[in-house]
């Protein structure tokens, strides 16, 4: 870093209107776009919070440092002349800027991020962790491949693991359990009443994704659903995501909570709102749920896996595993969607379960990678002999990518494409009966 870099950056920032910090650019460099994800994370806000004076002060500093970082990383790469760059996430400002420098110079970038299951990592090529294209590539590759018995059992066990807070590769949102039989009593809902549940997601987590612009409309849609249920006999339960309430490492998403509380002040007698920090798990609620909306969260596929007709946002990654999608969010369209989800024909079928199982297998198990030579706790090998070809297949895959340009992704083989669907059908038919039996009990 040179002193001239700061002088240049300070001159530049004076020409940028604070209202345009998120779109600020220096020449052809989209510095604002590259650093704003960090601002969302730092303050736990969405674009609605960027106008706050305290946010703008920090945003300004990030823009200055962003331009300085670009200049410094450009010099580093020019000096070392790498052929490949490895980055963690490529989302937060310094690594995102390094990613952009490398791509501008046509340098191959491998981006590593935490995977979806324990001790796993995702590996993507020339995309940041915010880009959904690599996930989509893997999901599309496996969507027509029948699962074998080991994969089916793996997915089925995964649903159970999630409920118990296991195999998540991050801290569970719950450190408590809710008895299934206590849910209706705690929510004061009659035993014979039908229940429609809406699961929200943390806005700040998704605001940084360009593909998820609709995240800010969750509470608007909920407001219309409250109006709709004021005229119905069924009960509406809104379960706000626990992550919105924060934890000992993460502040609460206060803007969302303030709006959610305001919304809860005047609701009909058949509406229940479960705030983020209330100790009632979504999983206990599921077994009492007749229909649901999960805008962006994994609850969308978890609901279907438990026999619940469910819709998600059309921008959600999970929508392609579902039969129902929120195409329009006006009151009449939502009223039609609610009727459809409550209908007898909406109950999940063999084909619905097949889509969810294949999707889950692709995203959570094929898109994630487990190295045998290291894990989240550190290195697991004792000598370099354990790094030879054939011992750690994932390490081999990364090395082959560097040497020969081969794919980083776990894609179906020719043998996979020849699989019979019989085993999958038999397993899922049995699972449908198990779901129905458990729900009845």
Protein backbone atom coordinates (compact mmCIF):
# COMPACT_ATOMS: atom_id res chain seq x y z
CA UNK A 1 0.00 0.00 0.00
CA UNK A 2 1.35 3.40 -0.88
CA UNK A 3 0.45 6.79 0.59
CA UNK A 4 -0.66 7.84 -2.88
CA UNK A 5 -3.37 5.18 -2.78
CA UNK A 6 -5.05 6.83 0.21
CA UNK A 7 -4.68 10.28 -1.31
CA UNK A 8 -6.38 9.04 -4.49
CA UNK A 9 -9.12 7.24 -2.54
CA UNK A 10 -9.85 10.28 -0.37
CA UNK A 11 -10.11 12.49 -3.45
CA UNK A 12 -12.45 9.99 -5.11
CA UNK A 13 -14.81 9.53 -2.14
CA UNK A 14 -15.48 13.26 -2.07
CA UNK A 15 -17.04 12.94 -5.54
CA UNK A 16 -19.46 10.16 -4.45
CA UNK A 17 -22.94 11.06 -3.21
CA UNK A 18 -23.57 9.17 0.09
CA UNK A 19 -26.96 8.11 -1.29
CA UNK A 20 -25.05 6.19 -3.99
CA UNK A 21 -22.44 4.45 -1.84
CA UNK A 22 -23.78 0.99 -2.70
CA UNK A 23 -23.36 1.71 -6.44
CA UNK A 24 -20.16 3.77 -6.17
CA UNK A 25 -17.59 3.12 -8.87
CA UNK A 26 -14.08 4.31 -9.55
CA UNK A 27 -13.52 4.36 -13.31
CA UNK A 28 -14.77 0.85 -14.26
CA UNK A 29 -14.33 -0.64 -10.77
CA UNK A 30 -17.62 -1.39 -8.94
CA UNK A 31 -16.14 -0.75 -5.47
CA UNK A 32 -19.56 -0.07 -3.93
CA UNK A 33 -20.94 -3.40 -5.10
CA UNK A 34 -17.86 -5.23 -3.77
CA UNK A 35 -17.90 -3.79 -0.23
CA UNK A 36 -21.61 -3.40 0.54
CA UNK A 37 -22.04 -7.08 1.46
CA UNK A 38 -19.66 -6.39 4.36
CA UNK A 39 -21.82 -3.45 5.45
CA UNK A 40 -24.94 -5.63 5.53
CA UNK A 41 -23.12 -8.15 7.69
CA UNK A 42 -21.47 -5.56 9.96
CA UNK A 43 -24.74 -3.85 10.87
CA UNK A 44 -27.21 -6.73 10.19
CA UNK A 45 -29.23 -4.56 7.80
CA UNK A 46 -30.55 -4.58 4.24
CA UNK A 47 -30.52 -1.78 1.67
CA UNK A 48 -33.20 -0.04 3.76
CA UNK A 49 -30.59 0.67 6.45
CA UNK A 50 -27.91 2.15 4.20
CA UNK A 51 -29.22 5.70 4.69
CA UNK A 52 -28.53 5.69 8.45
CA UNK A 53 -25.79 8.24 9.36
CA UNK A 54 -23.83 5.69 11.43
CA UNK A 55 -23.94 3.23 8.52
CA UNK A 56 -22.87 5.83 5.96
CA UNK A 57 -19.82 6.75 8.07
CA UNK A 58 -18.56 3.14 8.06
CA UNK A 59 -19.65 2.61 4.44
CA UNK A 60 -17.48 5.58 3.44
CA UNK A 61 -14.45 4.05 5.18
CA UNK A 62 -15.06 0.70 3.47
CA UNK A 63 -15.15 2.39 0.06
CA UNK A 64 -11.85 4.17 0.74
CA UNK A 65 -10.23 0.95 1.93
CA UNK A 66 -11.80 -0.90 -1.01
CA UNK A 67 -10.01 1.24 -3.58
CA UNK A 68 -6.74 1.07 -1.62
CA UNK A 69 -7.07 -2.72 -1.40
CA UNK A 70 -7.67 -2.98 -5.14
CA UNK A 71 -4.49 -1.05 -5.86
CA UNK A 72 -2.42 -3.11 -3.40
CA UNK A 73 -3.72 -6.53 -4.53
CA UNK A 74 -3.14 -5.53 -8.16
CA UNK A 75 0.51 -4.87 -7.33
CA UNK A 76 0.85 -8.19 -5.47
CA UNK A 77 -0.57 -10.17 -8.37
CA UNK A 78 1.51 -8.25 -10.88
CA UNK A 79 4.64 -9.07 -8.82
CA UNK A 80 3.97 -12.79 -8.22
CA UNK A 81 2.22 -13.54 -11.55
CA UNK A 82 0.08 -16.43 -10.17
CA UNK A 83 -1.86 -18.77 -12.45
CA UNK A 84 -4.43 -19.62 -9.75
CA UNK A 85 -5.84 -17.83 -6.73
CA UNK A 86 -7.49 -19.55 -3.73
CA UNK A 87 -9.94 -17.55 -1.62
CA UNK A 88 -12.28 -18.04 1.30
CA UNK A 89 -15.80 -16.99 0.34
CA UNK A 90 -14.87 -14.06 -1.93
CA UNK A 91 -17.76 -12.18 -0.29
CA UNK A 92 -16.39 -9.90 2.41
CA UNK A 93 -14.59 -6.83 1.09
CA UNK A 94 -10.87 -7.83 0.99
CA UNK A 95 -11.41 -11.28 -0.53
CA UNK A 96 -14.12 -10.02 -2.91
CA UNK A 97 -11.74 -7.36 -4.20
CA UNK A 98 -8.94 -9.93 -4.63
CA UNK A 99 -11.42 -12.06 -6.60
CA UNK A 100 -12.27 -9.13 -8.88
CA UNK A 101 -8.60 -8.29 -9.49
CA UNK A 102 -7.88 -11.90 -10.46
CA UNK A 103 -10.86 -12.20 -12.80
CA UNK A 104 -10.01 -8.90 -14.47
CA UNK A 105 -6.58 -10.41 -15.23
CA UNK A 106 -8.15 -13.73 -16.32
CA UNK A 107 -6.56 -15.64 -13.43
CA UNK A 108 -8.37 -18.82 -12.42
CA UNK A 109 -9.97 -18.55 -8.96
CA UNK A 110 -11.02 -21.40 -6.67
CA UNK A 111 -13.35 -20.23 -3.90
CA UNK A 112 -13.79 -22.33 -0.78
CA UNK A 113 -16.67 -21.89 1.64
CA UNK A 114 -18.13 -23.86 4.53
CA UNK A 115 -20.22 -26.77 3.24
CA UNK A 116 -23.73 -27.81 4.23
CA UNK A 117 -22.80 -30.89 6.27
CA UNK A 118 -20.23 -31.44 9.03
CA UNK A 119 -16.55 -30.99 8.10
CA UNK A 120 -17.41 -30.20 4.49
CA UNK A 121 -16.47 -27.43 2.08
CA UNK A 122 -17.93 -26.10 -1.12
CA UNK A 123 -15.49 -25.45 -3.97
CA UNK A 124 -16.48 -23.22 -6.87
CA UNK A 125 -14.56 -22.03 -9.88
CA UNK A 126 -14.52 -18.36 -10.88
CA UNK A 127 -17.63 -17.52 -8.85
CA UNK A 128 -18.06 -16.01 -5.39
CA UNK A 129 -19.97 -17.85 -2.68
CA UNK A 130 -22.87 -15.45 -3.37
CA UNK A 131 -23.35 -16.76 -6.90
CA UNK A 132 -26.07 -19.41 -7.20
CA UNK A 133 -24.93 -20.61 -10.65
CA UNK A 134 -22.52 -23.32 -9.38
CA UNK A 135 -25.21 -24.72 -7.06
CA UNK A 136 -27.68 -24.66 -9.91
CA UNK A 137 -25.22 -26.46 -12.15
CA UNK A 138 -24.87 -29.36 -9.69
CA UNK A 139 -28.61 -29.50 -8.90
CA UNK A 140 -29.53 -29.60 -12.59
CA UNK A 141 -26.96 -32.32 -13.26
CA UNK A 142 -28.55 -34.64 -10.67
CA UNK A 143 -32.25 -33.81 -10.99
CA UNK A 144 -33.02 -36.74 -13.32
CA UNK A 145 -30.72 -39.28 -11.64
CA UNK A 146 -32.54 -41.81 -9.39
CA UNK A 147 -31.04 -42.13 -5.92
CA UNK A 148 -29.66 -45.44 -4.73
CA UNK A 149 -30.51 -46.90 -1.32
CA UNK A 150 -27.47 -45.44 0.46
CA UNK A 151 -28.27 -41.93 -0.83
CA UNK A 152 -31.95 -42.27 0.14
CA UNK A 153 -31.04 -43.33 3.67
CA UNK A 154 -28.48 -40.53 3.88
CA UNK A 155 -31.08 -37.89 2.98
CA UNK A 156 -33.70 -39.37 5.31
CA UNK A 157 -31.21 -39.35 8.19
CA UNK A 158 -30.24 -35.78 7.32
CA UNK A 159 -33.76 -34.54 8.06
CA UNK A 160 -33.55 -36.17 11.50
CA UNK A 161 -30.06 -34.73 12.07
CA UNK A 162 -31.25 -31.19 11.29
CA UNK A 163 -34.09 -31.45 13.76
CA UNK A 164 -31.68 -32.49 16.52
CA UNK A 165 -29.20 -29.74 15.55
CA UNK A 166 -26.65 -32.18 14.08
CA UNK A 167 -24.66 -32.31 10.83
CA UNK A 168 -25.23 -28.61 10.07
CA UNK A 169 -21.57 -27.51 9.92
CA UNK A 170 -22.52 -24.48 12.04
CA UNK A 171 -24.05 -23.92 15.47
CA UNK A 172 -27.66 -25.01 15.76
CA UNK A 173 -30.26 -22.24 16.08
CA UNK A 174 -31.88 -24.25 18.88
CA UNK A 175 -30.43 -25.36 22.21
CA UNK A 176 -33.85 -26.56 23.37
CA UNK A 177 -36.55 -29.00 22.28
CA UNK A 178 -40.33 -28.62 22.10
CA UNK A 179 -42.65 -31.53 22.82
CA UNK A 180 -44.78 -32.19 19.73
CA UNK A 181 -47.90 -32.61 21.85
CA UNK A 182 -47.50 -29.24 23.60
CA UNK A 183 -47.55 -27.06 20.47
CA UNK A 184 -51.29 -26.41 20.15
CA UNK A 185 -51.67 -25.78 23.87
CA UNK A 186 -48.78 -23.30 23.88
CA UNK A 187 -50.23 -21.46 20.88
CA UNK A 188 -53.80 -21.76 22.19
CA UNK A 189 -55.01 -23.40 18.96
CA UNK A 190 -57.91 -25.92 19.08
CA UNK A 191 -57.04 -29.56 18.38
CA UNK A 192 -59.30 -29.74 15.32
CA UNK A 193 -58.22 -26.44 13.70
CA UNK A 194 -56.17 -26.44 10.53
CA UNK A 195 -52.89 -24.53 10.68
CA UNK A 196 -51.09 -22.55 7.97
CA UNK A 197 -47.50 -21.63 8.87
CA UNK A 198 -45.23 -18.98 7.37
CA UNK A 199 -41.47 -19.33 7.94
CA UNK A 200 -39.39 -16.17 7.47
CA UNK A 201 -35.66 -15.81 6.80
CA UNK A 202 -33.03 -13.30 7.97
CA UNK A 203 -33.17 -10.38 5.57
CA UNK A 204 -29.59 -9.25 6.13
CA UNK A 205 -28.22 -12.70 5.24
CA UNK A 206 -29.90 -12.71 1.85
CA UNK A 207 -29.79 -8.98 1.02
CA UNK A 208 -26.26 -9.38 -0.36
CA UNK A 209 -27.46 -11.88 -3.00
CA UNK A 210 -28.51 -10.12 -6.20
CA UNK A 211 -30.73 -13.14 -6.95
CA UNK A 212 -32.77 -12.64 -3.76
CA UNK A 213 -34.03 -9.08 -4.14
CA UNK A 214 -37.52 -10.09 -2.94
CA UNK A 215 -36.27 -10.80 0.59
CA UNK A 216 -37.52 -7.36 1.69
CA UNK A 217 -41.17 -8.19 0.90
CA UNK A 218 -41.64 -10.93 3.51
CA UNK A 219 -43.51 -8.75 6.01
CA UNK A 220 -45.59 -7.16 3.22
CA UNK A 221 -46.78 -10.60 2.13
CA UNK A 222 -47.44 -11.58 5.74
CA UNK A 223 -49.57 -8.45 6.17
CA UNK A 224 -51.76 -9.56 3.25
CA UNK A 225 -51.97 -13.10 4.62
CA UNK A 226 -53.15 -11.71 7.98
CA UNK A 227 -55.94 -9.88 6.12
CA UNK A 228 -56.86 -13.08 4.27
CA UNK A 229 -57.01 -15.21 7.43
CA UNK A 230 -59.18 -12.63 9.19
CA UNK A 231 -61.93 -13.99 6.93
CA UNK A 232 -61.07 -17.70 7.42
CA UNK A 233 -61.58 -20.35 10.10
CA UNK A 234 -58.07 -21.82 9.91
CA UNK A 235 -55.21 -20.50 12.03
CA UNK A 236 -52.21 -18.59 10.66
CA UNK A 237 -48.88 -19.00 12.48
CA UNK A 238 -45.89 -16.84 11.57
CA UNK A 239 -42.63 -18.36 12.80
CA UNK A 240 -39.86 -15.77 12.52
CA UNK A 241 -36.43 -17.32 11.99
CA UNK A 242 -34.37 -17.73 15.23
CA UNK A 243 -31.29 -16.19 13.57
CA UNK A 244 -33.13 -12.85 13.33
CA UNK A 245 -32.98 -12.65 17.13
CA UNK A 246 -29.19 -12.97 17.18
CA UNK A 247 -27.10 -14.86 19.74
CA UNK A 248 -24.02 -14.32 21.93
CA UNK A 249 -21.85 -13.94 18.81
CA UNK A 250 -24.32 -12.05 16.61
CA UNK A 251 -26.49 -8.97 17.26
CA UNK A 252 -30.22 -9.10 16.57
CA UNK A 253 -31.58 -7.86 13.25
CA UNK A 254 -33.34 -4.97 14.97
CA UNK A 255 -34.96 -3.32 11.95
CA UNK A 256 -36.82 -6.53 11.09
CA UNK A 257 -37.77 -7.21 14.72
CA UNK A 258 -39.16 -3.67 15.13
CA UNK A 259 -41.33 -4.07 12.04
CA UNK A 260 -42.42 -7.58 13.08
CA UNK A 261 -43.46 -6.33 16.54
CA UNK A 262 -45.38 -3.45 14.99
CA UNK A 263 -47.20 -5.95 12.79
CA UNK A 264 -48.06 -8.15 15.78
CA UNK A 265 -49.86 -5.37 17.66
CA UNK A 266 -53.15 -5.79 15.80
CA UNK A 267 -53.88 -9.26 14.44
CA UNK A 268 -57.10 -11.30 14.28
CA UNK A 269 -57.84 -13.89 16.99
CA UNK A 270 -56.77 -16.76 14.69
CA UNK A 271 -53.24 -15.43 14.03
CA UNK A 272 -50.22 -16.38 16.13
CA UNK A 273 -46.78 -14.79 15.79
CA UNK A 274 -43.75 -16.65 17.16
CA UNK A 275 -40.85 -14.23 17.55
CA UNK A 276 -37.24 -15.31 16.84
CA UNK A 277 -36.19 -15.84 20.46
CA UNK A 278 -39.34 -17.67 21.63
CA UNK A 279 -38.57 -21.24 22.60
CA UNK A 280 -40.86 -23.14 20.27
CA UNK A 281 -39.06 -25.08 17.56
CA UNK A 282 -40.16 -25.04 13.95
CA UNK A 283 -39.77 -28.82 13.88
CA UNK A 284 -42.37 -29.43 16.58
CA UNK A 285 -44.67 -27.01 14.76
CA UNK A 286 -44.32 -28.93 11.48
CA UNK A 287 -46.25 -31.98 12.69
CA UNK A 288 -49.29 -29.75 13.34
CA UNK A 289 -48.98 -27.86 10.05
CA UNK A 290 -51.45 -28.46 7.21
CA UNK A 291 -49.91 -26.04 4.67
CA UNK A 292 -46.98 -23.63 4.64
CA UNK A 293 -44.98 -20.87 3.00
CA UNK A 294 -41.21 -20.78 3.49
CA UNK A 295 -39.91 -17.80 1.55
CA UNK A 296 -36.20 -18.64 1.31
CA UNK A 297 -35.25 -21.13 4.01
CA UNK A 298 -34.60 -24.87 3.99
CA UNK A 299 -37.93 -25.23 5.79
CA UNK A 300 -39.44 -25.23 2.28
CA UNK A 301 -38.01 -28.66 1.49
CA UNK A 302 -38.20 -29.87 5.09
CA UNK A 303 -41.95 -29.20 5.08
CA UNK A 304 -42.50 -31.30 1.95
CA UNK A 305 -40.31 -34.05 3.43
CA UNK A 306 -42.81 -34.15 6.31
CA UNK A 307 -45.86 -34.27 4.02
CA UNK A 308 -46.81 -30.58 4.07
CA UNK A 309 -47.92 -28.74 0.89
CA UNK A 310 -45.52 -25.78 0.71
CA UNK A 311 -44.78 -22.75 -1.44
CA UNK A 312 -41.62 -20.63 -1.62
CA UNK A 313 -40.53 -17.43 -3.30
CA UNK A 314 -39.83 -17.77 -7.01
CA UNK A 315 -36.36 -16.35 -6.30
CA UNK A 316 -35.58 -19.01 -3.70
CA UNK A 317 -33.08 -21.70 -4.62
CA UNK A 318 -35.53 -24.23 -3.15
CA UNK A 319 -38.46 -23.37 -5.40
CA UNK A 320 -37.39 -25.89 -8.04
CA UNK A 321 -37.91 -28.72 -5.54
CA UNK A 322 -41.52 -27.64 -4.89
CA UNK A 323 -44.80 -27.85 -6.74
CA UNK A 324 -46.03 -24.47 -5.47
CA UNK A 325 -44.34 -21.08 -5.95
CA UNK A 326 -45.33 -17.50 -5.01
CA UNK A 327 -45.54 -16.04 -8.51
CA UNK A 328 -47.64 -13.00 -7.54
CA UNK A 329 -47.87 -11.42 -4.10
CA UNK A 330 -51.08 -9.38 -4.44
CA UNK A 331 -53.95 -10.26 -2.09
CA UNK A 332 -56.06 -12.17 -4.62
CA UNK A 333 -53.13 -14.26 -5.84
CA UNK A 334 -52.18 -15.10 -2.26
CA UNK A 335 -55.79 -16.02 -1.46
CA UNK A 336 -55.79 -18.44 -4.40
CA UNK A 337 -52.45 -19.89 -3.27
CA UNK A 338 -53.75 -20.48 0.28
CA UNK A 339 -56.83 -22.28 -1.11
CA UNK A 340 -54.60 -24.43 -3.33
CA UNK A 341 -52.25 -25.40 -0.51
CA UNK A 342 -55.17 -26.40 1.72
CA UNK A 343 -56.77 -28.51 -1.02
CA UNK A 344 -56.72 -32.31 -0.93
CA UNK A 345 -54.87 -32.42 -4.26
CA UNK A 346 -51.93 -30.47 -2.78
CA UNK A 347 -50.83 -33.31 -0.48
CA UNK A 348 -47.27 -34.40 -1.41
CA UNK A 349 -47.08 -37.30 -3.84
CA UNK A 350 -44.35 -39.75 -4.77
CA UNK A 351 -43.13 -37.31 -7.43
CA UNK A 352 -43.04 -34.42 -4.92
CA UNK A 353 -40.96 -36.47 -2.51
CA UNK A 354 -38.68 -37.62 -5.33
CA UNK A 355 -37.92 -34.01 -6.31
CA UNK A 356 -37.15 -33.04 -2.73
CA UNK A 357 -34.92 -36.07 -2.10
CA UNK A 358 -32.93 -35.59 -5.31
CA UNK A 359 -32.59 -31.85 -4.70
CA UNK A 360 -31.37 -32.42 -1.13
CA UNK A 361 -28.90 -35.07 -2.23
CA UNK A 362 -27.48 -32.75 -4.91
CA UNK A 363 -27.23 -29.56 -2.84
CA UNK A 364 -26.25 -30.91 0.56
CA UNK A 365 -24.19 -33.97 -0.35
CA UNK A 366 -22.94 -33.59 -3.94
CA UNK A 367 -22.23 -29.85 -3.75
CA UNK A 368 -20.38 -30.31 -0.45
CA UNK A 369 -16.92 -31.93 -0.35
CA UNK A 370 -15.09 -33.75 2.44
CA UNK A 371 -11.29 -33.90 2.37
CA UNK A 372 -9.69 -36.86 4.14
CA UNK A 373 -6.43 -34.96 4.68
CA UNK A 374 -7.92 -32.15 6.79
CA UNK A 375 -11.18 -30.99 8.36
CA UNK A 376 -12.50 -28.04 10.37
CA UNK A 377 -10.32 -29.03 13.35
CA UNK A 378 -7.07 -29.15 11.38
CA UNK A 379 -4.81 -31.52 9.46
CA UNK A 380 -5.55 -35.24 9.72
CA UNK A 381 -2.50 -36.68 7.94
CA UNK A 382 0.86 -37.47 9.54
CA UNK A 383 3.16 -37.76 6.52
CA UNK A 384 3.29 -36.51 2.94
CA UNK A 385 2.82 -40.10 1.77
CA UNK A 386 -0.82 -39.73 2.82
CA UNK A 387 -1.21 -36.96 0.23
CA UNK A 388 -0.31 -39.16 -2.73
CA UNK A 389 -2.74 -39.63 -5.61
CA UNK A 390 -5.73 -41.82 -4.79
CA UNK A 391 -5.76 -41.33 -1.02
CA UNK A 392 -7.79 -38.08 -0.77
CA UNK A 393 -10.12 -37.97 -3.82
CA UNK A 394 -11.22 -34.37 -3.16
CA UNK A 395 -7.62 -33.16 -2.92
CA UNK A 396 -6.93 -35.07 -6.16
CA UNK A 397 -9.85 -33.26 -7.78
CA UNK A 398 -8.47 -29.84 -6.80
CA UNK A 399 -4.98 -30.76 -8.02
CA UNK A 400 -6.39 -32.07 -11.31
CA UNK A 401 -8.23 -28.80 -11.76
CA UNK A 402 -4.97 -26.86 -11.32
CA UNK A 403 -2.95 -29.16 -13.59
CA UNK A 404 -5.45 -30.09 -16.28
CA UNK A 405 -8.42 -27.71 -15.94
CA UNK A 406 -10.85 -30.48 -14.99
CA UNK A 407 -14.13 -29.71 -13.19
CA UNK A 408 -14.29 -29.05 -9.46
CA UNK A 409 -17.88 -30.25 -9.24
CA UNK A 410 -19.24 -33.67 -8.30
CA UNK A 411 -21.24 -34.57 -11.41
CA UNK A 412 -23.00 -37.84 -12.40
CA UNK A 413 -20.93 -40.53 -14.09
CA UNK A 414 -22.14 -42.62 -17.05
CA UNK A 415 -23.01 -45.40 -14.58
CA UNK A 416 -25.07 -43.00 -12.48
CA UNK A 417 -27.11 -42.09 -15.58
CA UNK A 418 -28.01 -45.77 -16.09
CA UNK A 419 -29.56 -46.26 -12.65
CA UNK A 420 -32.99 -47.87 -12.31
CA UNK A 421 -35.76 -45.88 -10.61
CA UNK A 422 -37.30 -48.97 -8.97
CA UNK A 423 -35.26 -48.83 -5.76
CA UNK A 424 -36.02 -45.15 -5.33
CA UNK A 425 -39.76 -45.59 -5.95
CA UNK A 426 -40.06 -48.46 -3.46
CA UNK A 427 -38.21 -46.50 -0.76
CA UNK A 428 -40.24 -43.30 -1.22
CA UNK A 429 -43.61 -45.10 -1.36
CA UNK A 430 -42.80 -46.60 2.03
CA UNK A 431 -41.65 -43.21 3.31
CA UNK A 432 -44.93 -41.56 2.26
CA UNK A 433 -46.85 -44.12 4.31
CA UNK A 434 -44.55 -43.50 7.29
CA UNK A 435 -45.16 -39.75 7.08
CA UNK A 436 -48.93 -40.19 6.95
CA UNK A 437 -48.90 -42.61 9.87
CA UNK A 438 -46.70 -40.35 12.01
CA UNK A 439 -48.77 -37.25 11.23
CA UNK A 440 -51.95 -39.08 12.18
CA UNK A 441 -50.48 -40.25 15.47
